[in-house]
Each structure stands twice: as structure tokens, then as C-alpha cells.
N, C-alpha and C. Protein backbone atom coordinates (compact mmCIF):
# COMPACT_ATOMS: atom_id res chain seq x y z
N MET A 1 -50.22 -60.96 90.11
CA MET A 1 -51.36 -61.76 89.75
C MET A 1 -51.40 -62.31 88.26
N ALA A 2 -50.77 -61.57 87.47
CA ALA A 2 -50.69 -62.02 86.04
C ALA A 2 -49.83 -63.32 85.95
N ASP A 3 -48.72 -63.44 86.74
CA ASP A 3 -47.98 -64.70 86.89
C ASP A 3 -48.88 -65.84 87.36
N GLU A 4 -49.58 -65.55 88.40
CA GLU A 4 -50.42 -66.64 88.96
C GLU A 4 -51.52 -67.11 87.88
N TRP A 5 -52.08 -65.96 87.29
CA TRP A 5 -53.08 -66.34 86.16
C TRP A 5 -52.39 -67.29 85.14
N ASN A 6 -51.26 -66.91 84.66
CA ASN A 6 -50.54 -67.61 83.64
C ASN A 6 -50.19 -69.00 83.98
N LYS A 7 -49.87 -69.28 85.29
CA LYS A 7 -49.70 -70.56 85.86
C LYS A 7 -51.02 -71.40 85.77
N THR A 8 -52.00 -70.83 86.24
CA THR A 8 -53.28 -71.49 86.34
C THR A 8 -54.01 -71.71 85.02
N HIS A 9 -53.66 -70.79 84.05
CA HIS A 9 -54.34 -70.82 82.77
C HIS A 9 -53.31 -70.78 81.66
N PRO A 10 -52.52 -71.87 81.44
CA PRO A 10 -51.39 -71.80 80.41
C PRO A 10 -51.91 -71.70 79.01
N ASP A 11 -53.15 -72.04 78.78
CA ASP A 11 -53.77 -71.88 77.44
C ASP A 11 -54.31 -70.45 77.20
N LYS A 12 -54.31 -69.47 78.15
CA LYS A 12 -54.84 -68.22 78.08
C LYS A 12 -53.94 -67.15 78.79
N LYS A 13 -52.59 -67.28 78.52
CA LYS A 13 -51.76 -66.45 79.20
C LYS A 13 -51.96 -65.01 78.87
N ILE A 14 -51.60 -64.07 79.76
CA ILE A 14 -51.69 -62.72 79.50
C ILE A 14 -50.27 -61.99 79.76
N GLN A 15 -50.12 -60.86 79.15
CA GLN A 15 -48.91 -60.07 79.43
C GLN A 15 -49.41 -58.80 79.85
N LEU A 16 -49.07 -58.46 81.22
CA LEU A 16 -49.50 -57.29 81.86
C LEU A 16 -48.45 -56.23 82.05
N GLU A 17 -48.55 -55.09 81.60
CA GLU A 17 -47.58 -53.94 81.81
C GLU A 17 -48.33 -52.90 82.49
N THR A 18 -47.83 -52.56 83.66
CA THR A 18 -48.61 -51.43 84.53
C THR A 18 -47.67 -50.30 84.48
N THR A 19 -48.44 -49.10 84.43
CA THR A 19 -47.73 -47.71 84.59
C THR A 19 -48.52 -46.97 85.62
N THR A 20 -47.75 -46.35 86.51
CA THR A 20 -48.32 -45.46 87.37
C THR A 20 -48.07 -44.03 87.16
N TYR A 21 -49.14 -43.17 87.17
CA TYR A 21 -48.92 -41.75 86.95
C TYR A 21 -49.47 -40.99 88.24
N PRO A 22 -48.89 -39.77 88.41
CA PRO A 22 -49.56 -38.89 89.46
C PRO A 22 -51.14 -38.77 89.08
N TYR A 23 -51.82 -38.55 90.22
CA TYR A 23 -53.42 -38.45 90.11
C TYR A 23 -53.83 -37.63 88.95
N ASP A 24 -53.52 -36.35 88.93
CA ASP A 24 -54.09 -35.50 87.86
C ASP A 24 -53.49 -35.94 86.52
N ASP A 25 -52.21 -36.14 86.42
CA ASP A 25 -51.66 -36.64 85.10
C ASP A 25 -52.45 -37.72 84.57
N MET A 26 -52.67 -38.82 85.31
CA MET A 26 -53.30 -40.00 84.79
C MET A 26 -54.74 -39.56 84.26
N HIS A 27 -55.54 -38.94 85.12
CA HIS A 27 -56.83 -38.56 84.53
C HIS A 27 -56.86 -37.72 83.38
N ASN A 28 -55.96 -36.69 83.35
CA ASN A 28 -55.86 -35.79 82.12
C ASN A 28 -55.36 -36.61 80.88
N LYS A 29 -54.40 -37.33 81.08
CA LYS A 29 -53.89 -38.20 79.84
C LYS A 29 -54.99 -39.16 79.40
N LEU A 30 -55.73 -39.79 80.36
CA LEU A 30 -56.78 -40.73 79.95
C LEU A 30 -57.72 -40.00 79.25
N LEU A 31 -58.26 -38.97 79.69
CA LEU A 31 -59.33 -38.14 78.89
C LEU A 31 -58.86 -37.67 77.56
N LEU A 32 -57.60 -37.18 77.53
CA LEU A 32 -57.12 -36.76 76.18
C LEU A 32 -56.92 -38.10 75.19
N SER A 33 -56.54 -39.12 75.80
CA SER A 33 -56.50 -40.32 74.79
C SER A 33 -57.75 -40.84 74.32
N LEU A 34 -58.78 -40.83 75.30
CA LEU A 34 -60.15 -41.33 74.91
C LEU A 34 -60.74 -40.26 73.85
N GLN A 35 -60.57 -38.96 74.14
CA GLN A 35 -61.09 -38.09 73.18
C GLN A 35 -60.36 -38.07 71.79
N SER A 36 -59.07 -38.39 71.74
CA SER A 36 -58.41 -38.36 70.51
C SER A 36 -58.47 -39.81 69.79
N GLY A 37 -58.77 -40.74 70.64
CA GLY A 37 -58.85 -42.17 70.06
C GLY A 37 -57.58 -42.86 69.86
N VAL A 38 -56.45 -42.24 70.56
CA VAL A 38 -55.04 -42.76 70.44
C VAL A 38 -54.43 -42.99 71.80
N GLY A 39 -53.86 -44.14 72.06
CA GLY A 39 -53.09 -44.49 73.29
C GLY A 39 -53.99 -44.65 74.49
N ALA A 40 -55.08 -44.96 74.46
CA ALA A 40 -55.89 -45.37 75.79
C ALA A 40 -55.49 -46.74 76.18
N PRO A 41 -55.40 -46.98 77.33
CA PRO A 41 -55.01 -48.24 77.99
C PRO A 41 -56.18 -49.31 77.80
N ASP A 42 -55.87 -50.58 77.99
CA ASP A 42 -56.94 -51.60 77.85
C ASP A 42 -57.74 -51.57 79.26
N ILE A 43 -56.92 -51.40 80.34
CA ILE A 43 -57.58 -51.42 81.69
C ILE A 43 -57.10 -50.11 82.37
N VAL A 44 -58.02 -49.54 83.08
CA VAL A 44 -57.69 -48.20 83.98
C VAL A 44 -58.40 -48.26 85.17
N ASP A 45 -57.87 -47.55 86.26
CA ASP A 45 -58.63 -47.41 87.43
C ASP A 45 -58.86 -46.10 87.60
N ILE A 46 -60.15 -45.60 87.49
CA ILE A 46 -60.46 -44.23 87.50
C ILE A 46 -61.14 -43.93 88.78
N GLU A 47 -60.62 -42.74 89.42
CA GLU A 47 -61.12 -42.38 90.65
C GLU A 47 -62.64 -42.06 90.55
N ILE A 48 -63.39 -42.51 91.53
CA ILE A 48 -64.88 -42.32 91.45
C ILE A 48 -65.27 -40.84 91.28
N SER A 49 -64.55 -39.92 91.93
CA SER A 49 -64.80 -38.53 91.86
C SER A 49 -64.60 -38.01 90.55
N ARG A 50 -63.84 -38.64 89.64
CA ARG A 50 -63.54 -38.27 88.46
C ARG A 50 -64.27 -38.87 87.15
N PHE A 51 -65.08 -39.95 87.61
CA PHE A 51 -65.70 -40.84 86.66
C PHE A 51 -66.66 -40.14 85.74
N SER A 52 -67.44 -39.10 86.27
CA SER A 52 -68.41 -38.45 85.47
C SER A 52 -67.84 -37.73 84.30
N ASN A 53 -66.48 -37.34 84.39
CA ASN A 53 -65.79 -36.67 83.25
C ASN A 53 -65.73 -37.56 82.11
N TYR A 54 -65.74 -38.89 82.33
CA TYR A 54 -65.69 -39.93 81.18
C TYR A 54 -66.97 -40.27 80.54
N LEU A 55 -68.09 -39.68 81.13
CA LEU A 55 -69.39 -40.12 80.56
C LEU A 55 -70.09 -39.00 79.77
N LYS A 56 -69.37 -37.76 79.73
CA LYS A 56 -69.82 -36.63 78.95
C LYS A 56 -69.84 -37.01 77.33
N GLY A 57 -70.74 -36.67 76.67
CA GLY A 57 -70.75 -36.83 75.30
C GLY A 57 -71.02 -38.44 75.05
N LYS A 58 -70.45 -38.97 74.04
CA LYS A 58 -70.46 -40.35 73.83
C LYS A 58 -69.38 -41.16 74.69
N PRO A 59 -69.78 -41.90 75.81
CA PRO A 59 -68.66 -42.52 76.54
C PRO A 59 -67.84 -43.46 75.60
N GLN A 60 -66.52 -43.40 75.89
CA GLN A 60 -65.50 -44.00 75.28
C GLN A 60 -65.16 -45.41 76.06
N LEU A 61 -65.83 -45.57 77.14
CA LEU A 61 -65.49 -46.82 77.93
C LEU A 61 -66.32 -48.05 77.55
N VAL A 62 -65.79 -49.06 77.58
CA VAL A 62 -66.51 -50.40 77.25
C VAL A 62 -67.04 -51.13 78.44
N GLU A 63 -68.32 -51.39 78.38
CA GLU A 63 -68.91 -52.20 79.40
C GLU A 63 -68.29 -53.65 79.65
N LEU A 64 -68.01 -53.99 80.74
CA LEU A 64 -67.48 -55.27 81.01
C LEU A 64 -68.48 -56.21 81.97
N ASN A 65 -69.73 -55.86 81.86
CA ASN A 65 -70.67 -56.55 82.72
C ASN A 65 -70.67 -58.05 82.37
N ASP A 66 -70.66 -58.49 81.21
CA ASP A 66 -70.63 -59.87 80.88
C ASP A 66 -69.38 -60.63 81.42
N ILE A 67 -68.31 -59.92 81.79
CA ILE A 67 -67.14 -60.55 82.33
C ILE A 67 -67.18 -60.43 83.79
N ILE A 68 -67.67 -59.31 84.36
CA ILE A 68 -67.62 -59.03 85.76
C ILE A 68 -68.92 -59.72 86.48
N ASP A 69 -70.03 -59.78 85.94
CA ASP A 69 -71.08 -60.33 86.54
C ASP A 69 -70.99 -61.73 87.20
N PRO A 70 -70.36 -62.73 86.34
CA PRO A 70 -70.25 -64.09 86.87
C PRO A 70 -69.37 -64.06 88.12
N VAL A 71 -68.51 -63.13 88.24
CA VAL A 71 -67.50 -63.24 89.49
C VAL A 71 -67.68 -61.97 90.49
N LYS A 72 -68.66 -61.28 90.25
CA LYS A 72 -68.90 -60.01 90.99
C LYS A 72 -68.84 -60.33 92.62
N ASP A 73 -69.47 -61.49 92.98
CA ASP A 73 -69.52 -61.69 94.35
C ASP A 73 -68.20 -62.04 94.87
N LYS A 74 -67.19 -62.22 94.17
CA LYS A 74 -65.77 -62.42 94.65
C LYS A 74 -64.89 -61.14 94.68
N ALA A 75 -65.55 -60.06 94.25
CA ALA A 75 -64.85 -58.72 94.14
C ALA A 75 -65.20 -57.88 95.14
N ILE A 76 -64.28 -56.94 95.52
CA ILE A 76 -64.61 -55.82 96.43
C ILE A 76 -65.48 -54.91 95.68
N GLN A 77 -66.67 -54.65 96.35
CA GLN A 77 -67.79 -53.86 95.74
C GLN A 77 -67.46 -52.39 95.93
N SER A 78 -66.87 -51.84 96.96
CA SER A 78 -66.69 -50.40 97.06
C SER A 78 -65.72 -50.27 98.23
N PHE A 79 -65.13 -49.07 98.31
CA PHE A 79 -64.18 -48.68 99.33
C PHE A 79 -64.91 -47.62 100.07
N GLY A 80 -64.74 -47.58 101.31
CA GLY A 80 -65.33 -46.45 102.11
C GLY A 80 -64.33 -45.84 103.08
N ALA A 81 -64.64 -44.63 103.56
CA ALA A 81 -63.71 -43.91 104.43
C ALA A 81 -64.61 -43.40 105.59
N VAL A 82 -64.07 -43.35 106.69
CA VAL A 82 -64.76 -42.79 107.83
C VAL A 82 -63.96 -41.53 108.31
N ALA A 83 -64.60 -40.50 108.54
CA ALA A 83 -63.87 -39.29 108.88
C ALA A 83 -64.52 -38.78 110.31
N GLY A 84 -63.68 -38.33 111.05
CA GLY A 84 -64.26 -37.96 112.49
C GLY A 84 -63.69 -36.56 112.86
N ASN A 85 -64.36 -36.06 113.80
CA ASN A 85 -63.94 -34.74 114.37
C ASN A 85 -63.27 -35.07 115.64
N GLY A 86 -61.92 -35.05 115.73
CA GLY A 86 -61.44 -35.47 117.01
C GLY A 86 -60.03 -35.14 117.18
């Protein structure tokens, strides 16, 4: 998607470097980097069940409402799962 963005917006190009960590490693490293003020990523995908951990004390996350609100109707609002007994 970064390549597509850069083609469409040549005057606002971005460089995107992605890193994937195991579930617990990512959440632990993110929490430590936010608490220490060193090494936090610009963008991160926090699992909803872990989100409350990042709101304790003074939250270190930045609100993106002014960026998201204008395009919110084009985004996936939530993911759901259905479990059954069968």
C-alpha cells in the first residue's frame, strides 16, 4: 500500500518499514518502549484485549481522530468472531 500511496501522492511520499513480532513480545516491547520513552514505533496494531494496558497512568499514545474521522466511513470498524458448540 505504501507503493500505491507514493504513486498516487508523489509530493507526499512515505517510507514504510514493517516488523512482525510474536504476540507477547510485541506487546511487552511496546509497553517498555512507551514507558522508557525510547524506541516506540510511529504506528502499531495493539490487540484489543491488551489495549487497557496502554491507558494506565498517563497514556503515551497519540490521538489520530483528526486524521481518521474524515475517512472513518471507508475503514473496517471492527472485527468479530463467532464461536459455536458443535
